[in-house]
N, C-alpha and C. Protein backbone atom coordinates (compact mmCIF):
# COMPACT_ATOMS: atom_id res chain seq x y z
N MET A 1 -2.53 4.42 2.37
CA MET A 1 -2.30 4.56 0.95
C MET A 1 -1.06 5.43 0.77
N SER A 2 -0.09 4.97 0.01
CA SER A 2 1.12 5.75 -0.22
C SER A 2 0.82 6.91 -1.17
N LYS A 3 1.76 7.86 -1.23
CA LYS A 3 1.58 9.00 -2.13
C LYS A 3 1.42 8.51 -3.56
N PHE A 4 2.23 7.50 -3.96
CA PHE A 4 2.13 6.97 -5.32
C PHE A 4 0.74 6.40 -5.57
N ASP A 5 0.24 5.62 -4.61
CA ASP A 5 -1.11 5.05 -4.76
C ASP A 5 -2.15 6.16 -4.85
N ASN A 6 -2.00 7.19 -4.01
CA ASN A 6 -2.94 8.30 -4.02
C ASN A 6 -2.90 9.04 -5.36
N ASP A 7 -1.69 9.24 -5.90
CA ASP A 7 -1.55 9.91 -7.20
C ASP A 7 -2.23 9.10 -8.29
N SER A 8 -2.02 7.78 -8.30
CA SER A 8 -2.63 6.96 -9.35
C SER A 8 -4.15 6.91 -9.19
N TYR A 9 -4.61 6.93 -7.94
CA TYR A 9 -6.05 6.97 -7.68
C TYR A 9 -6.65 8.24 -8.26
N GLU A 10 -6.06 9.37 -7.92
CA GLU A 10 -6.60 10.65 -8.38
C GLU A 10 -6.54 10.79 -9.90
N ARG A 11 -5.43 10.40 -10.51
CA ARG A 11 -5.34 10.55 -11.97
C ARG A 11 -6.30 9.61 -12.69
N THR A 12 -6.52 8.41 -12.12
CA THR A 12 -7.43 7.46 -12.76
C THR A 12 -8.88 7.94 -12.65
N VAL A 13 -9.30 8.38 -11.46
CA VAL A 13 -10.66 8.92 -11.31
C VAL A 13 -10.86 10.10 -12.25
N SER A 14 -9.90 11.00 -12.27
CA SER A 14 -10.00 12.18 -13.13
C SER A 14 -10.09 11.80 -14.60
N ALA A 15 -9.26 10.86 -15.03
CA ALA A 15 -9.27 10.44 -16.44
C ALA A 15 -10.61 9.80 -16.81
N LEU A 16 -11.14 8.95 -15.93
CA LEU A 16 -12.42 8.30 -16.22
C LEU A 16 -13.54 9.33 -16.33
N LEU A 17 -13.57 10.29 -15.40
CA LEU A 17 -14.63 11.29 -15.42
C LEU A 17 -14.51 12.20 -16.65
N ARG A 18 -13.29 12.67 -16.95
CA ARG A 18 -13.10 13.54 -18.11
C ARG A 18 -13.44 12.81 -19.41
N THR A 19 -13.09 11.55 -19.49
CA THR A 19 -13.37 10.79 -20.71
C THR A 19 -14.87 10.64 -20.92
N ASP A 20 -15.59 10.32 -19.87
CA ASP A 20 -17.03 10.16 -20.03
C ASP A 20 -17.70 11.48 -20.41
N VAL A 21 -17.27 12.59 -19.82
CA VAL A 21 -17.82 13.89 -20.18
C VAL A 21 -17.52 14.20 -21.64
N CYS A 22 -16.30 13.92 -22.06
CA CYS A 22 -15.92 14.18 -23.45
C CYS A 22 -16.76 13.35 -24.42
N MET A 23 -17.02 12.09 -24.06
CA MET A 23 -17.74 11.19 -24.96
C MET A 23 -19.25 11.38 -24.91
N THR A 24 -19.77 11.91 -23.82
CA THR A 24 -21.23 12.04 -23.71
C THR A 24 -21.69 13.49 -23.69
N GLY A 25 -20.79 14.42 -23.40
CA GLY A 25 -21.15 15.83 -23.37
C GLY A 25 -21.85 16.29 -22.11
N THR A 26 -21.83 15.46 -21.07
CA THR A 26 -22.53 15.83 -19.84
C THR A 26 -21.82 15.24 -18.63
N LEU A 27 -22.14 15.75 -17.47
CA LEU A 27 -21.57 15.23 -16.22
C LEU A 27 -22.70 14.67 -15.37
N ASN A 28 -23.16 13.48 -15.75
CA ASN A 28 -24.24 12.81 -15.02
C ASN A 28 -23.75 11.54 -14.34
N GLN A 29 -22.45 11.42 -14.13
CA GLN A 29 -21.89 10.21 -13.56
C GLN A 29 -22.14 10.12 -12.06
N ASP A 30 -22.16 8.91 -11.58
CA ASP A 30 -22.19 8.66 -10.14
C ASP A 30 -20.74 8.70 -9.68
N ILE A 31 -20.27 9.88 -9.34
CA ILE A 31 -18.85 10.09 -9.03
C ILE A 31 -18.43 9.25 -7.83
N ALA A 32 -19.28 9.14 -6.84
CA ALA A 32 -18.94 8.34 -5.65
C ALA A 32 -18.70 6.88 -6.01
N SER A 33 -19.48 6.35 -6.94
CA SER A 33 -19.29 4.95 -7.37
C SER A 33 -17.96 4.78 -8.09
N VAL A 34 -17.60 5.74 -8.91
CA VAL A 34 -16.32 5.68 -9.62
C VAL A 34 -15.18 5.75 -8.61
N GLU A 35 -15.26 6.68 -7.67
CA GLU A 35 -14.21 6.81 -6.66
C GLU A 35 -14.07 5.53 -5.83
N ALA A 36 -15.18 4.95 -5.44
CA ALA A 36 -15.14 3.73 -4.63
C ALA A 36 -14.54 2.57 -5.41
N ALA A 37 -14.91 2.45 -6.68
CA ALA A 37 -14.37 1.36 -7.50
C ALA A 37 -12.87 1.51 -7.68
N VAL A 38 -12.42 2.70 -8.05
CA VAL A 38 -10.99 2.93 -8.28
C VAL A 38 -10.19 2.71 -7.00
N ALA A 39 -10.75 3.07 -5.86
CA ALA A 39 -10.06 2.86 -4.59
C ALA A 39 -9.80 1.37 -4.33
N GLY A 40 -10.65 0.51 -4.86
CA GLY A 40 -10.49 -0.92 -4.67
C GLY A 40 -9.61 -1.61 -5.69
N TRP A 41 -9.18 -0.89 -6.72
CA TRP A 41 -8.34 -1.48 -7.75
C TRP A 41 -6.88 -1.46 -7.34
N ASP A 42 -6.13 -2.45 -7.82
CA ASP A 42 -4.69 -2.44 -7.56
C ASP A 42 -4.01 -1.52 -8.59
N GLU A 43 -2.73 -1.32 -8.43
CA GLU A 43 -1.98 -0.39 -9.28
C GLU A 43 -2.07 -0.78 -10.76
N GLY A 44 -2.00 -2.07 -11.06
CA GLY A 44 -2.09 -2.53 -12.45
C GLY A 44 -3.44 -2.22 -13.07
N GLN A 45 -4.50 -2.40 -12.30
CA GLN A 45 -5.84 -2.08 -12.80
C GLN A 45 -5.99 -0.58 -13.03
N ARG A 46 -5.46 0.21 -12.12
CA ARG A 46 -5.54 1.66 -12.30
C ARG A 46 -4.80 2.08 -13.57
N GLU A 47 -3.65 1.48 -13.80
CA GLU A 47 -2.87 1.82 -15.00
C GLU A 47 -3.64 1.44 -16.27
N GLN A 48 -4.26 0.26 -16.28
CA GLN A 48 -5.07 -0.16 -17.44
C GLN A 48 -6.24 0.79 -17.66
N ALA A 49 -6.91 1.16 -16.58
CA ALA A 49 -8.07 2.05 -16.69
C ALA A 49 -7.63 3.43 -17.18
N PHE A 50 -6.51 3.93 -16.68
CA PHE A 50 -6.00 5.23 -17.10
C PHE A 50 -5.64 5.20 -18.58
N LEU A 51 -4.93 4.17 -19.02
CA LEU A 51 -4.56 4.05 -20.43
C LEU A 51 -5.80 4.00 -21.31
N TRP A 52 -6.79 3.20 -20.91
CA TRP A 52 -8.01 3.12 -21.71
C TRP A 52 -8.71 4.48 -21.76
N ALA A 53 -8.84 5.13 -20.60
CA ALA A 53 -9.57 6.40 -20.54
C ALA A 53 -8.88 7.48 -21.37
N MET A 54 -7.57 7.56 -21.27
CA MET A 54 -6.87 8.60 -22.03
C MET A 54 -6.92 8.31 -23.53
N THR A 55 -6.85 7.05 -23.90
CA THR A 55 -6.97 6.69 -25.32
C THR A 55 -8.34 7.05 -25.85
N GLU A 56 -9.39 6.71 -25.10
CA GLU A 56 -10.75 7.03 -25.53
C GLU A 56 -10.97 8.54 -25.58
N HIS A 57 -10.40 9.25 -24.63
CA HIS A 57 -10.51 10.71 -24.60
C HIS A 57 -9.91 11.30 -25.89
N LEU A 58 -8.74 10.82 -26.25
CA LEU A 58 -8.11 11.29 -27.49
C LEU A 58 -8.94 10.92 -28.72
N ARG A 59 -9.43 9.69 -28.75
CA ARG A 59 -10.22 9.24 -29.89
C ARG A 59 -11.53 10.02 -30.01
N ALA A 60 -12.12 10.40 -28.87
CA ALA A 60 -13.37 11.16 -28.90
C ALA A 60 -13.15 12.56 -29.44
N GLY A 61 -11.92 13.02 -29.42
CA GLY A 61 -11.58 14.35 -29.93
C GLY A 61 -11.18 14.32 -31.39
N ASP A 62 -11.76 13.43 -32.17
CA ASP A 62 -11.50 13.33 -33.61
C ASP A 62 -10.04 13.01 -33.94
N ASN A 63 -9.42 12.23 -33.10
CA ASN A 63 -8.06 11.73 -33.36
C ASN A 63 -8.18 10.28 -33.79
N ASP A 64 -8.71 10.07 -34.98
CA ASP A 64 -9.00 8.72 -35.46
C ASP A 64 -7.75 7.86 -35.63
N GLU A 65 -6.57 8.50 -35.70
CA GLU A 65 -5.35 7.72 -35.86
C GLU A 65 -4.91 7.04 -34.56
N VAL A 66 -5.54 7.42 -33.44
CA VAL A 66 -5.22 6.78 -32.16
C VAL A 66 -5.90 5.42 -32.13
N PRO A 67 -5.12 4.35 -31.95
CA PRO A 67 -5.73 3.02 -31.94
C PRO A 67 -6.59 2.79 -30.71
N ALA A 68 -7.65 2.04 -30.88
CA ALA A 68 -8.54 1.71 -29.77
C ALA A 68 -7.84 0.75 -28.82
N VAL A 69 -8.09 0.94 -27.54
CA VAL A 69 -7.62 0.03 -26.49
C VAL A 69 -8.87 -0.62 -25.92
N PRO A 70 -8.89 -1.95 -25.81
CA PRO A 70 -10.08 -2.60 -25.26
C PRO A 70 -10.38 -2.10 -23.85
N CYS A 71 -11.66 -1.94 -23.57
CA CYS A 71 -12.09 -1.50 -22.25
C CYS A 71 -11.91 -2.66 -21.27
N PRO A 72 -11.15 -2.44 -20.20
CA PRO A 72 -10.97 -3.51 -19.21
C PRO A 72 -12.32 -3.90 -18.59
N PRO A 73 -12.51 -5.18 -18.30
CA PRO A 73 -13.80 -5.63 -17.75
C PRO A 73 -14.17 -4.95 -16.44
N PHE A 74 -13.19 -4.61 -15.61
CA PHE A 74 -13.50 -3.97 -14.33
C PHE A 74 -13.94 -2.52 -14.55
N VAL A 75 -13.54 -1.91 -15.65
CA VAL A 75 -14.04 -0.58 -16.01
C VAL A 75 -15.44 -0.73 -16.61
N GLN A 76 -15.62 -1.69 -17.47
CA GLN A 76 -16.93 -1.95 -18.09
C GLN A 76 -17.99 -2.22 -17.02
N ALA A 77 -17.57 -2.83 -15.91
CA ALA A 77 -18.53 -3.14 -14.83
C ALA A 77 -19.10 -1.88 -14.20
N LEU A 78 -18.43 -0.75 -14.35
CA LEU A 78 -18.95 0.51 -13.82
C LEU A 78 -20.07 1.07 -14.68
N ARG A 79 -20.20 0.62 -15.89
CA ARG A 79 -21.11 1.23 -16.86
C ARG A 79 -22.56 1.34 -16.40
N PRO A 80 -23.11 0.36 -15.72
CA PRO A 80 -24.52 0.53 -15.31
C PRO A 80 -24.77 1.75 -14.44
N THR A 81 -23.80 2.16 -13.64
CA THR A 81 -24.00 3.33 -12.79
C THR A 81 -23.23 4.54 -13.27
N TYR A 82 -22.37 4.37 -14.29
CA TYR A 82 -21.47 5.46 -14.64
C TYR A 82 -21.73 6.03 -16.02
N GLY A 83 -21.83 5.20 -17.03
CA GLY A 83 -21.91 5.70 -18.39
C GLY A 83 -23.32 6.04 -18.82
N LEU A 84 -23.40 6.74 -19.92
CA LEU A 84 -24.68 7.11 -20.51
C LEU A 84 -24.75 6.56 -21.92
N ASP A 85 -25.92 6.22 -22.37
CA ASP A 85 -26.08 5.72 -23.73
C ASP A 85 -26.41 6.87 -24.68
N VAL A 86 -25.50 7.82 -24.75
CA VAL A 86 -25.67 8.97 -25.63
C VAL A 86 -24.56 8.93 -26.65
N GLY A 87 -24.90 8.81 -27.91
CA GLY A 87 -23.86 8.76 -28.94
C GLY A 87 -22.97 7.56 -28.74
N ARG A 88 -21.71 7.81 -28.65
CA ARG A 88 -20.74 6.75 -28.45
C ARG A 88 -20.87 6.20 -27.02
N PRO A 89 -20.77 4.90 -26.82
CA PRO A 89 -20.91 4.35 -25.48
C PRO A 89 -19.91 4.96 -24.51
N ALA A 90 -20.35 5.18 -23.28
CA ALA A 90 -19.50 5.81 -22.28
C ALA A 90 -18.33 4.90 -21.93
N PHE A 91 -18.56 3.65 -21.65
CA PHE A 91 -17.47 2.74 -21.30
C PHE A 91 -17.59 1.53 -22.19
N GLY A 92 -16.55 1.28 -22.95
CA GLY A 92 -16.52 0.11 -23.82
C GLY A 92 -17.53 0.22 -24.92
N GLY A 93 -17.72 -0.86 -25.61
CA GLY A 93 -18.74 -0.84 -26.64
C GLY A 93 -18.22 -1.11 -27.99
């Protein structure tokens, strides 16, 4: 894995975890599942996931002027093991 790939991996995992905590108020994620999934994504998928996560993070912070970005299907696929059904859906919805 190149340094660039490693950087995008780390920022994407971090963004997904921070976004879910922000939207659910807890850290009950299966972190290993998130890490494994992101490791298998290509650079384009990581970029899409990062953009979605950061947008949702901003929107969860009462920034209603931030437009919604559709949740990528490969991120939505993590929801059974990653997100929580507390308040706003953790991934997509």
